[in-house]
Protein backbone atom coordinates (compact mmCIF):
# COMPACT_ATOMS: atom_id res chain seq x y z
CA MET A 1 102.49 114.62 -39.41
CA LYS A 2 101.74 112.42 -42.40
CA ARG A 3 105.06 113.10 -44.01
CA PHE A 4 106.98 110.68 -41.76
CA ARG A 5 104.18 108.17 -41.13
CA ASN A 6 105.63 105.19 -43.03
CA VAL A 7 109.31 105.65 -42.20
CA SER A 8 109.20 103.36 -39.15
CA ALA A 9 107.59 100.50 -41.03
CA ILE A 10 109.92 100.82 -44.01
CA VAL A 11 113.06 100.91 -41.85
CA SER A 12 111.88 97.96 -39.76
CA LEU A 13 110.95 95.84 -42.79
CA LEU A 14 114.21 96.67 -44.56
CA ALA A 15 116.23 95.68 -41.50
CA GLY A 16 114.21 92.48 -41.21
CA PHE A 17 114.77 91.62 -44.86
CA ILE A 18 118.53 92.17 -44.65
CA THR A 19 118.71 90.14 -41.44
CA ALA A 20 116.68 87.32 -42.96
CA VAL A 21 118.89 87.15 -46.05
CA VAL A 22 122.05 87.06 -43.96
CA MET A 23 120.67 84.37 -41.67
CA VAL A 24 119.48 82.20 -44.59
CA ILE A 25 122.93 82.43 -46.17
CA ASN A 26 124.55 81.44 -42.86
CA LYS A 27 121.98 78.62 -42.33
CA TYR A 28 120.66 79.52 -38.87
CA ASP A 29 118.15 77.13 -37.29
CA LEU A 30 114.51 78.22 -37.23
CA LEU A 31 114.14 79.13 -33.56
CA THR A 32 117.29 81.26 -33.54
CA PHE A 33 116.21 82.81 -36.84
CA ILE A 34 112.83 83.86 -35.43
CA TRP A 35 114.25 85.30 -32.20
CA ILE A 36 116.98 87.29 -33.89
CA LEU A 37 114.58 88.58 -36.54
CA ALA A 38 112.02 89.66 -33.94
CA VAL A 39 114.62 91.48 -31.85
CA VAL A 40 116.15 93.22 -34.87
CA MET A 41 112.78 94.39 -36.16
CA ALA A 42 111.68 95.63 -32.73
CA VAL A 43 114.91 97.54 -32.13
CA PHE A 44 114.86 99.15 -35.55
CA TYR A 45 111.17 100.05 -35.15
CA ILE A 46 111.82 101.77 -31.81
CA VAL A 47 114.88 103.61 -33.13
CA SER A 48 113.04 104.76 -36.25
CA ARG A 49 110.09 106.01 -34.14
CA ILE A 50 112.53 108.11 -32.11
CA ILE A 51 114.11 109.46 -35.30
CA CYS A 52 110.66 110.28 -36.73
CA PHE A 53 109.78 112.15 -33.56
CA ILE A 54 112.99 114.19 -33.79
CA TRP A 55 112.31 114.92 -37.48
CA LYS A 56 108.80 116.09 -36.62
CA VAL A 57 110.10 118.48 -33.98
CA ILE A 58 112.77 119.88 -36.29
CA TYR A 59 110.37 120.14 -39.23
CA SER A 60 107.63 121.84 -37.21
CA ASN A 61 110.15 124.28 -35.70
CA SER A 62 111.51 125.19 -39.13
CA ILE A 63 108.02 125.81 -40.53
CA SER A 64 106.90 127.96 -37.61
CA LYS A 65 109.91 130.28 -37.91
């Protein structure tokens, strides 16, 4: 469904931005910065894909009723 297509990317990028700002303020070294940022973005992408799937199921069930 096109309605929830961009949610995963937006959530992942927002989490990455917030993480990057916090790590720049706390002056993390570059290698740690990259690893933490990659893990945070991957986790939030996976979680948001699961949430989008659940929203699709709920939305399609409510329309078919």
